[in-house]
C-alpha atoms as a PDB file:
ATOM      1  CA  MET A   1      84.332 101.925  34.639  1.00  0.00           C
ATOM      2  CA  SER A   2      81.969  99.509  32.763  1.00  0.00           C
ATOM      3  CA  LEU A   3      78.896 100.625  31.169  1.00  0.00           C
ATOM      4  CA  ALA A   4      76.851  98.652  33.345  1.00  0.00           C
ATOM      5  CA  ASP A   5      78.361 100.568  36.401  1.00  0.00           C
ATOM      6  CA  LYS A   6      77.735 103.888  34.913  1.00  0.00           C
ATOM      7  CA  THR A   7      74.231 103.082  33.776  1.00  0.00           C
ATOM      8  CA  PHE A   8      73.422 101.769  37.430  1.00  0.00           C
ATOM      9  CA  ILE A   9      74.923 104.687  39.187  1.00  0.00           C
ATOM     10  CA  GLN A  10      73.109 107.257  37.067  1.00  0.00           C
ATOM     11  CA  ASN A  11      69.813 105.281  37.228  1.00  0.00           C
ATOM     12  CA  CYS A  12      69.905 105.145  41.176  1.00  0.00           C
ATOM     13  CA  LYS A  13      71.059 108.740  41.673  1.00  0.00           C
ATOM     14  CA  ASP A  14      68.185 109.604  39.550  1.00  0.00           C
ATOM     15  CA  ILE A  15      65.699 107.607  41.701  1.00  0.00           C
ATOM     16  CA  LEU A  16      67.273 108.912  44.916  1.00  0.00           C
ATOM     17  CA  LYS A  17      67.348 112.435  43.926  1.00  0.00           C
ATOM     18  CA  ASN A  18      64.101 112.783  41.753  1.00  0.00           C
ATOM     19  CA  GLY A  19      61.984 109.420  42.546  1.00  0.00           C
ATOM     20  CA  PHE A  20      58.238 109.298  44.168  1.00  0.00           C
ATOM     21  CA  TRP A  21      58.012 107.722  47.536  1.00  0.00           C
ATOM     22  CA  ASP A  22      55.280 105.735  48.592  1.00  0.00           C
ATOM     23  CA  LYS A  23      55.373 106.308  52.287  1.00  0.00           C
ATOM     24  CA  HIS A  24      51.710 107.400  52.380  1.00  0.00           C
ATOM     25  CA  VAL A  25      50.497 104.197  50.550  1.00  0.00           C
ATOM     26  CA  ALA A  26      49.532 101.092  52.151  1.00  0.00           C
ATOM     27  CA  VAL A  27      52.225  98.820  50.341  1.00  0.00           C
ATOM     28  CA  ARG A  28      52.054  94.913  50.208  1.00  0.00           C
ATOM     29  CA  PRO A  29      55.803  93.935  50.670  1.00  0.00           C
ATOM     30  CA  ARG A  30      57.110  93.589  54.286  1.00  0.00           C
ATOM     31  CA  TRP A  31      60.356  93.170  55.973  1.00  0.00           C
ATOM     32  CA  ASP A  32      61.015  90.174  58.263  1.00  0.00           C
ATOM     33  CA  ASP A  33      59.931  92.064  61.205  1.00  0.00           C
ATOM     34  CA  GLY A  34      56.590  92.782  59.737  1.00  0.00           C
ATOM     35  CA  GLU A  35      57.086  96.603  58.915  1.00  0.00           C
ATOM     36  CA  PRO A  36      56.036  97.901  55.554  1.00  0.00           C
ATOM     37  CA  ALA A  37      58.899  97.981  52.950  1.00  0.00           C
ATOM     38  CA  HIS A  38      58.419 101.305  51.112  1.00  0.00           C
ATOM     39  CA  THR A  39      60.068 102.430  48.154  1.00  0.00           C
ATOM     40  CA  VAL A  40      61.247 105.166  46.126  1.00  0.00           C
ATOM     41  CA  LYS A  41      60.898 104.905  42.329  1.00  0.00           C
ATOM     42  CA  LYS A  42      60.889 106.290  38.874  1.00  0.00           C
ATOM     43  CA  PHE A  43      58.481 105.430  35.871  1.00  0.00           C
ATOM     44  CA  ALA A  44      59.900 104.096  32.831  1.00  0.00           C
ATOM     45  CA  LEU A  45      63.572 103.669  32.846  1.00  0.00           C
ATOM     46  CA  VAL A  46      65.027 102.717  29.497  1.00  0.00           C
ATOM     47  CA  ASN A  47      68.671 101.468  29.400  1.00  0.00           C
ATOM     48  CA  ARG A  48      70.551 100.291  26.156  1.00  0.00           C
ATOM     49  CA  TYR A  49      73.589  98.183  26.240  1.00  0.00           C
ATOM     50  CA  ASP A  50      75.701  97.298  22.893  1.00  0.00           C
ATOM     51  CA  LEU A  51      76.649  93.619  23.659  1.00  0.00           C
ATOM     52  CA  GLY A  52      79.044  93.894  21.054  1.00  0.00           C
ATOM     53  CA  ASP A  53      80.907  96.523  22.719  1.00  0.00           C
ATOM     54  CA  GLU A  54      81.215  94.945  26.280  1.00  0.00           C
ATOM     55  CA  PHE A  55      79.148  92.543  28.553  1.00  0.00           C
ATOM     56  CA  PRO A  56      76.939  94.496  31.019  1.00  0.00           C
ATOM     57  CA  ILE A  57      77.963  93.443  34.307  1.00  0.00           C
ATOM     58  CA  LEU A  58      78.631  95.481  37.397  1.00  0.00           C
ATOM     59  CA  THR A  59      82.084  95.667  39.007  1.00  0.00           C
ATOM     60  CA  ILE A  60      81.258  98.002  41.635  1.00  0.00           C
ATOM     61  CA  ARG A  61      79.696  94.975  43.533  1.00  0.00           C
ATOM     62  CA  LYS A  62      79.623  91.172  42.507  1.00  0.00           C
ATOM     63  CA  THR A  63      76.981  89.633  40.280  1.00  0.00           C
ATOM     64  CA  ASN A  64      76.599  86.021  41.018  1.00  0.00           C
ATOM     65  CA  THR A  65      77.134  84.934  37.460  1.00  0.00           C
ATOM     66  CA  THR A  66      76.657  81.168  38.247  1.00  0.00           C
ATOM     67  CA  ALA A  67      73.483  81.460  40.088  1.00  0.00           C
ATOM     68  CA  CYS A  68      72.101  83.997  37.383  1.00  0.00           C
ATOM     69  CA  ILE A  69      73.023  81.844  34.475  1.00  0.00           C
ATOM     70  CA  ASP A  70      71.660  78.662  36.347  1.00  0.00           C
ATOM     71  CA  GLU A  71      68.070  80.669  36.837  1.00  0.00           C
ATOM     72  CA  LEU A  72      68.056  81.849  33.119  1.00  0.00           C
ATOM     73  CA  LEU A  73      68.709  78.251  31.906  1.00  0.00           C
ATOM     74  CA  TRP A  74      65.977  76.868  34.479  1.00  0.00           C
ATOM     75  CA  ILE A  75      63.451  79.325  32.858  1.00  0.00           C
ATOM     76  CA  TRP A  76      64.240  79.298  29.315  1.00  0.00           C
ATOM     77  CA  GLN A  77      65.977  76.134  28.683  1.00  0.00           C
ATOM     78  CA  LYS A  78      64.294  73.534  31.034  1.00  0.00           C
ATOM     79  CA  LYS A  79      61.281  75.702  30.927  1.00  0.00           C
ATOM     80  CA  SER A  80      60.761  74.548  34.492  1.00  0.00           C
ATOM     81  CA  ASN A  81      58.636  75.573  37.427  1.00  0.00           C
ATOM     82  CA  LYS A  82      59.980  72.886  39.890  1.00  0.00           C
ATOM     83  CA  VAL A  83      62.220  74.565  42.388  1.00  0.00           C
ATOM     84  CA  SER A  84      64.023  71.328  42.904  1.00  0.00           C
ATOM     85  CA  GLU A  85      65.605  71.703  39.456  1.00  0.00           C
ATOM     86  CA  LEU A  86      67.022  75.090  40.350  1.00  0.00           C
ATOM     87  CA  ASN A  87      70.593  74.966  42.059  1.00  0.00           C
ATOM     88  CA  SER A  88      70.096  77.923  44.372  1.00  0.00           C
ATOM     89  CA  LYS A  89      67.282  79.066  46.981  1.00  0.00           C
ATOM     90  CA  ILE A  90      66.053  82.054  45.133  1.00  0.00           C
ATOM     91  CA  TRP A  91      62.591  80.853  44.511  1.00  0.00           C
ATOM     92  CA  ASN A  92      62.285  79.024  47.989  1.00  0.00           C
ATOM     93  CA  GLN A  93      59.854  81.584  49.498  1.00  0.00           C
ATOM     94  CA  TRP A  94      57.495  81.352  46.500  1.00  0.00           C
ATOM     95  CA  THR A  95      57.317  77.386  46.388  1.00  0.00           C
ATOM     96  CA  ASP A  96      53.884  75.952  46.719  1.00  0.00           C
ATOM     97  CA  LYS A  97      53.124  72.637  48.397  1.00  0.00           C
ATOM     98  CA  GLU A  98      53.900  70.605  45.229  1.00  0.00           C
ATOM     99  CA  GLY A  99      57.437  72.221  44.975  1.00  0.00           C
ATOM    100  CA  THR A 100      56.710  74.504  42.230  1.00  0.00           C
ATOM    101  CA  ILE A 101      56.112  78.139  41.452  1.00  0.00           C
ATOM    102  CA  GLY A 102      52.735  77.456  39.937  1.00  0.00           C
ATOM    103  CA  LYS A 103      52.175  78.276  36.192  1.00  0.00           C
ATOM    104  CA  ALA A 104      54.849  81.011  36.302  1.00  0.00           C
ATOM    105  CA  TYR A 105      57.931  81.788  34.166  1.00  0.00           C
ATOM    106  CA  GLY A 106      59.540  78.489  32.609  1.00  0.00           C
ATOM    107  CA  TYR A 107      56.110  76.971  32.729  1.00  0.00           C
ATOM    108  CA  GLN A 108      54.635  79.408  30.449  1.00  0.00           C
ATOM    109  CA  LEU A 109      57.508  79.344  27.968  1.00  0.00           C
ATOM    110  CA  GLY A 110      56.961  75.458  27.632  1.00  0.00           C
ATOM    111  CA  VAL A 111      53.419  75.568  26.726  1.00  0.00           C
ATOM    112  CA  LYS A 112      52.807  74.441  23.102  1.00  0.00           C
ATOM    113  CA  HIS A 113      50.644  76.540  20.564  1.00  0.00           C
ATOM    114  CA  LYS A 114      49.626  75.905  17.210  1.00  0.00           C
ATOM    115  CA  TYR A 115      51.084  77.781  14.125  1.00  0.00           C
ATOM    116  CA  LYS A 116      50.913  77.266  10.407  1.00  0.00           C
ATOM    117  CA  GLU A 117      54.294  75.566  10.604  1.00  0.00           C
ATOM    118  CA  GLY A 118      53.247  73.219  13.518  1.00  0.00           C
ATOM    119  CA  GLU A 119      53.171  73.273  17.420  1.00  0.00           C
ATOM    120  CA  PHE A 120      55.792  74.940  19.126  1.00  0.00           C
ATOM    121  CA  ASP A 121      56.244  76.289  22.712  1.00  0.00           C
ATOM    122  CA  GLN A 122      57.657  80.140  22.957  1.00  0.00           C
ATOM    123  CA  VAL A 123      61.260  79.136  22.935  1.00  0.00           C
ATOM    124  CA  ASP A 124      61.228  76.692  19.965  1.00  0.00           C
ATOM    125  CA  ARG A 125      59.223  79.577  17.899  1.00  0.00           C
ATOM    126  CA  ILE A 126      61.671  81.983  18.595  1.00  0.00           C
ATOM    127  CA  LEU A 127      64.475  79.785  17.693  1.00  0.00           C
ATOM    128  CA  TYR A 128      62.522  78.600  14.567  1.00  0.00           C
ATOM    129  CA  ASP A 129      62.025  82.061  13.544  1.00  0.00           C
ATOM    130  CA  LEU A 130      65.505  83.257  14.027  1.00  0.00           C
ATOM    131  CA  LYS A 131      66.797  80.550  11.795  1.00  0.00           C
ATOM    132  CA  HIS A 132      63.886  80.438   9.047  1.00  0.00           C
ATOM    133  CA  ASN A 133      62.654  84.216   9.023  1.00  0.00           C
ATOM    134  CA  PRO A 134      65.084  86.278  11.102  1.00  0.00           C
ATOM    135  CA  TYR A 135      63.818  89.588   9.694  1.00  0.00           C
ATOM    136  CA  SER A 136      60.164  88.943  11.099  1.00  0.00           C
ATOM    137  CA  ARG A 137      58.862  91.508  13.334  1.00  0.00           C
ATOM    138  CA  ARG A 138      56.685  88.986  15.243  1.00  0.00           C
ATOM    139  CA  ILE A 139      59.657  87.266  17.287  1.00  0.00           C
ATOM    140  CA  MET A 140      58.651  87.575  20.865  1.00  0.00           C
ATOM    141  CA  SER A 141      57.813  85.913  24.298  1.00  0.00           C
ATOM    142  CA  ASN A 142      55.115  86.552  26.569  1.00  0.00           C
ATOM    143  CA  ILE A 143      54.774  84.867  29.900  1.00  0.00           C
ATOM    144  CA  TYR A 144      52.285  87.461  31.622  1.00  0.00           C
ATOM    145  CA  VAL A 145      49.203  85.256  31.087  1.00  0.00           C
ATOM    146  CA  HIS A 146      46.154  86.532  32.533  1.00  0.00           C
ATOM    147  CA  LYS A 147      44.151  83.411  32.691  1.00  0.00           C
ATOM    148  CA  ASP A 148      46.930  81.669  34.596  1.00  0.00           C
ATOM    149  CA  LEU A 149      47.731  84.498  37.175  1.00  0.00           C
ATOM    150  CA  HIS A 150      45.762  83.022  39.851  1.00  0.00           C
ATOM    151  CA  GLU A 151      47.739  79.873  39.859  1.00  0.00           C
ATOM    152  CA  MET A 152      51.208  81.620  39.719  1.00  0.00           C
ATOM    153  CA  GLU A 153      53.129  82.039  43.140  1.00  0.00           C
ATOM    154  CA  LEU A 154      54.831  85.293  41.872  1.00  0.00           C
ATOM    155  CA  TYR A 155      53.306  87.320  39.020  1.00  0.00           C
ATOM    156  CA  PRO A 156      56.229  87.758  36.419  1.00  0.00           C
ATOM    157  CA  CYS A 157      58.256  90.675  36.783  1.00  0.00           C
ATOM    158  CA  ALA A 158      60.370  90.232  33.646  1.00  0.00           C
ATOM    159  CA  TYR A 159      57.701  89.299  31.398  1.00  0.00           C
ATOM    160  CA  SER A 160      58.387  89.795  27.769  1.00  0.00           C
ATOM    161  CA  MET A 161      61.369  89.588  25.172  1.00  0.00           C
ATOM    162  CA  THR A 162      60.991  91.048  21.673  1.00  0.00           C
ATOM    163  CA  PHE A 163      64.061  90.132  19.320  1.00  0.00           C
ATOM    164  CA  ASN A 164      64.785  91.918  16.200  1.00  0.00           C
ATOM    165  CA  VAL A 165      67.583  91.307  13.634  1.00  0.00           C
ATOM    166  CA  THR A 166      68.958  94.420  12.001  1.00  0.00           C
ATOM    167  CA  GLU A 167      71.886  94.153   9.628  1.00  0.00           C
ATOM    168  CA  GLY A 168      72.477  90.660  10.711  1.00  0.00           C
ATOM    169  CA  LYS A 169      72.614  91.465  14.344  1.00  0.00           C
ATOM    170  CA  LEU A 170      70.298  90.173  16.923  1.00  0.00           C
ATOM    171  CA  ASN A 171      68.746  92.775  19.230  1.00  0.00           C
ATOM    172  CA  GLY A 172      66.513  92.288  22.317  1.00  0.00           C
ATOM    173  CA  ILE A 173      63.996  94.435  24.108  1.00  0.00           C
ATOM    174  CA  LEU A 174      63.313  93.022  27.716  1.00  0.00           C
ATOM    175  CA  ASN A 175      59.949  94.321  29.202  1.00  0.00           C
ATOM    176  CA  GLN A 176      59.752  94.321  32.914  1.00  0.00           C
ATOM    177  CA  ARG A 177      56.822  95.561  35.025  1.00  0.00           C
ATOM    178  CA  SER A 178      58.744  96.059  38.261  1.00  0.00           C
ATOM    179  CA  GLN A 179      62.378  96.021  39.356  1.00  0.00           C
ATOM    180  CA  ASP A 180      64.024  95.955  42.742  1.00  0.00           C
ATOM    181  CA  MET A 181      67.237  98.101  41.632  1.00  0.00           C
ATOM    182  CA  VAL A 182      69.740  97.000  44.321  1.00  0.00           C
ATOM    183  CA  VAL A 183      68.688  93.127  44.343  1.00  0.00           C
ATOM    184  CA  ALA A 184      67.753  92.200  40.772  1.00  0.00           C
ATOM    185  CA  ASN A 185      68.764  95.008  38.239  1.00  0.00           C
ATOM    186  CA  ASN A 186      72.200  93.646  37.016  1.00  0.00           C
ATOM    187  CA  TRP A 187      70.981  90.184  37.676  1.00  0.00           C
ATOM    188  CA  ASN A 188      68.346  90.406  34.954  1.00  0.00           C
ATOM    189  CA  VAL A 189      70.370  92.578  32.638  1.00  0.00           C
ATOM    190  CA  CYS A 190      73.259  89.806  32.750  1.00  0.00           C
ATOM    191  CA  GLN A 191      70.588  87.213  32.204  1.00  0.00           C
ATOM    192  CA  TYR A 192      68.901  88.601  29.113  1.00  0.00           C
ATOM    193  CA  ALA A 193      72.343  89.695  27.632  1.00  0.00           C
ATOM    194  CA  ILE A 194      73.408  86.149  27.799  1.00  0.00           C
ATOM    195  CA  LEU A 195      70.165  84.903  26.412  1.00  0.00           C
ATOM    196  CA  ILE A 196      70.636  87.217  23.264  1.00  0.00           C
ATOM    197  CA  MET A 197      74.227  86.225  22.834  1.00  0.00           C
ATOM    198  CA  ALA A 198      73.181  82.282  23.036  1.00  0.00           C
ATOM    199  CA  PHE A 199      70.357  82.860  20.823  1.00  0.00           C
ATOM    200  CA  ALA A 200      72.517  84.689  18.080  1.00  0.00           C
ATOM    201  CA  GLN A 201      75.345  82.072  18.373  1.00  0.00           C
ATOM    202  CA  VAL A 202      72.935  79.042  17.507  1.00  0.00           C
ATOM    203  CA  SER A 203      71.334  81.190  14.746  1.00  0.00           C
ATOM    204  CA  ASN A 204      74.433  82.218  13.120  1.00  0.00           C
ATOM    205  CA  LEU A 205      73.908  85.994  13.858  1.00  0.00           C
ATOM    206  CA  GLN A 206      75.786  88.736  15.197  1.00  0.00           C
ATOM    207  CA  VAL A 207      75.293  90.068  18.665  1.00  0.00           C
ATOM    208  CA  GLY A 208      73.504  93.611  18.837  1.00  0.00           C
ATOM    209  CA  GLU A 209      71.864  95.567  21.455  1.00  0.00           C
ATOM    210  CA  LEU A 210      69.840  94.743  24.798  1.00  0.00           C
ATOM    211  CA  VAL A 211      67.121  97.360  25.601  1.00  0.00           C
ATOM    212  CA  HIS A 212      65.699  97.158  29.002  1.00  0.00           C
ATOM    213  CA  VAL A 213      62.558  98.812  29.728  1.00  0.00           C
ATOM    214  CA  ILE A 214      61.558  98.960  33.396  1.00  0.00           C
ATOM    215  CA  ALA A 215      58.068 100.222  34.210  1.00  0.00           C
ATOM    216  CA  ASP A 216      58.534 100.734  37.992  1.00  0.00           C
ATOM    217  CA  ALA A 217      62.291 100.887  38.887  1.00  0.00           C
ATOM    218  CA  HIS A 218      62.386 101.318  42.758  1.00  0.00           C
ATOM    219  CA  ILE A 219      64.830 101.185  45.712  1.00  0.00           C
ATOM    220  CA  TYR A 220      63.657 100.079  49.258  1.00  0.00           C
ATOM    221  CA  ASP A 221      63.940 102.160  52.242  1.00  0.00           C
ATOM    222  CA  ARG A 222      66.421  99.644  54.008  1.00  0.00           C
ATOM    223  CA  HIS A 223      68.536  99.130  50.978  1.00  0.00           C
ATOM    224  CA  ILE A 224      69.460 102.911  50.582  1.00  0.00           C
ATOM    225  CA  PRO A 225      72.353 102.934  53.228  1.00  0.00           C
ATOM    226  CA  ILE A 226      74.144  99.950  51.481  1.00  0.00           C
ATOM    227  CA  LEU A 227      73.366 101.351  48.049  1.00  0.00           C
ATOM    228  CA  GLU A 228      74.917 104.763  48.873  1.00  0.00           C
ATOM    229  CA  LYS A 229      78.243 102.860  49.516  1.00  0.00           C
ATOM    230  CA  ILE A 230      78.102 100.678  46.575  1.00  0.00           C
ATOM    231  CA  ILE A 231      77.682 103.398  44.125  1.00  0.00           C
ATOM    232  CA  GLU A 232      80.545 105.166  45.463  1.00  0.00           C
ATOM    233  CA  SER A 233      82.953 102.222  45.208  1.00  0.00           C
ATOM    234  CA  PRO A 234      85.715 102.004  42.873  1.00  0.00           C
ATOM    235  CA  GLN A 235      84.816 101.060  39.178  1.00  0.00           C
ATOM    236  CA  HIS A 236      86.793  98.693  37.132  1.00  0.00           C
ATOM    237  CA  ILE A 237      86.796  97.765  33.574  1.00  0.00           C
ATOM    238  CA  ALA A 238      84.132  95.065  32.366  1.00  0.00           C
ATOM    239  CA  PRO A 239      85.163  91.628  32.098  1.00  0.00           C
ATOM    240  CA  THR A 240      85.242  89.541  28.895  1.00  0.00           C
ATOM    241  CA  LEU A 241      82.358  86.835  28.470  1.00  0.00           C
ATOM    242  CA  LYS A 242      83.533  83.907  26.681  1.00  0.00           C
ATOM    243  CA  ILE A 243      81.215  81.415  25.284  1.00  0.00           C
ATOM    244  CA  ASP A 244      81.697  77.769  24.180  1.00  0.00           C
ATOM    245  CA  LYS A 245      81.643  78.320  20.537  1.00  0.00           C
ATOM    246  CA  SER A 246      81.220  74.642  19.800  1.00  0.00           C
ATOM    247  CA  ILE A 247      77.693  74.893  20.942  1.00  0.00           C
ATOM    248  CA  LYS A 248      75.205  74.804  18.023  1.00  0.00           C
ATOM    249  CA  ASN A 249      72.141  73.871  19.662  1.00  0.00           C
ATOM    250  CA  PHE A 250      70.588  76.005  22.577  1.00  0.00           C
ATOM    251  CA  TYR A 251      69.627  73.168  24.701  1.00  0.00           C
ATOM    252  CA  ASP A 252      73.275  72.006  24.735  1.00  0.00           C
ATOM    253  CA  PHE A 253      74.268  75.101  26.916  1.00  0.00           C
ATOM    254  CA  LYS A 254      75.311  74.686  30.581  1.00  0.00           C
ATOM    255  CA  VAL A 255      76.220  77.170  33.302  1.00  0.00           C
ATOM    256  CA  ASP A 256      80.038  76.365  32.610  1.00  0.00           C
ATOM    257  CA  SER A 257      79.473  77.167  28.831  1.00  0.00           C
ATOM    258  CA  PHE A 258      79.908  80.959  29.792  1.00  0.00           C
ATOM    259  CA  LYS A 259      83.148  82.172  31.507  1.00  0.00           C
ATOM    260  CA  PHE A 260      84.070  85.415  32.584  1.00  0.00           C
ATOM    261  CA  GLU A 261      87.705  86.408  32.166  1.00  0.00           C
ATOM    262  CA  ASN A 262      89.267  89.135  34.264  1.00  0.00           C
ATOM    263  CA  TYR A 263      86.118  89.871  36.394  1.00  0.00           C
ATOM    264  CA  ILE A 264      87.342  92.414  39.098  1.00  0.00           C
ATOM    265  CA  PHE A 265      84.635  93.593  41.548  1.00  0.00           C
ATOM    266  CA  ASN A 266      84.384  95.096  45.028  1.00  0.00           C
ATOM    267  CA  PRO A 267      82.994  92.850  47.918  1.00  0.00           C
ATOM    268  CA  MET A 268      79.905  94.371  49.220  1.00  0.00           C
ATOM    269  CA  GLU A 269      79.507  95.581  52.684  1.00  0.00           C
ATOM    270  CA  GLY A 270      76.720  94.296  54.724  1.00  0.00           C
ATOM    271  CA  ARG A 271      73.772  92.117  54.079  1.00  0.00           C
ATOM    272  CA  LEU A 272      70.934  93.166  52.131  1.00  0.00           C
ATOM    273  CA  PRO A 273      67.612  92.688  53.762  1.00  0.00           C
ATOM    274  CA  VAL A 274      64.852  91.118  51.619  1.00  0.00           C
ATOM    275  CA  ALA A 275      61.314  92.390  51.279  1.00  0.00           C
ATOM    276  CA  THR A 276      58.566  89.687  50.580  1.00  0.00           C
END
């Protein structure tokens, strides 16, 4: 069993057994047929993954690593809000008439700010500090910018990263206001594990922990039958992630710079309905 499998199963069983149902609430999300998409949730899940031990990817179902990494680079490397620059259809439903997602996600990371050392956007400021002041307690990002929320097609779910170097190891805390556990949980875990590992490599640091803090961890009602099959599926040993060690500049990473060896997973039965 991988640590990601164990953590995901424990979280989901806890939510299903002890969670709070919102069936009495007028909820915003809807299914394709117009019916309200209700959830059962737990408040404030906190999960820790030691990235030096194993990569936190599920084996009880497949995580699409190619699309996952592509989206991560679209946000953190390209700092883009243009859906045409993303090689998947993930963001199609939130695309505006200009073909963007508004002032959300990558757009916010690319906005430059003034510092004593000069002008940086959020990503470049983090990279600068990791190289020049790695033990700072001020290395963080924030894309939940209130003045721009009205120009975002979707408010950021994963909205903040705090980086901390301890004993030469780069650790990160991912703060997430809301998480669809079945659709997005391991997707985000894999993305930000890779981000920490990439930042560590180009900053000459060792890899530490990813701490994932989820304010509202929920499971949609129509996902439960499929989820119950997933969490009872056979479990496998976590694969090994190999990163191209020749890369010293974060902006040189490509999707194929990250390769998974011996990734064994179970095919998922059924198609997940999507609430919007």
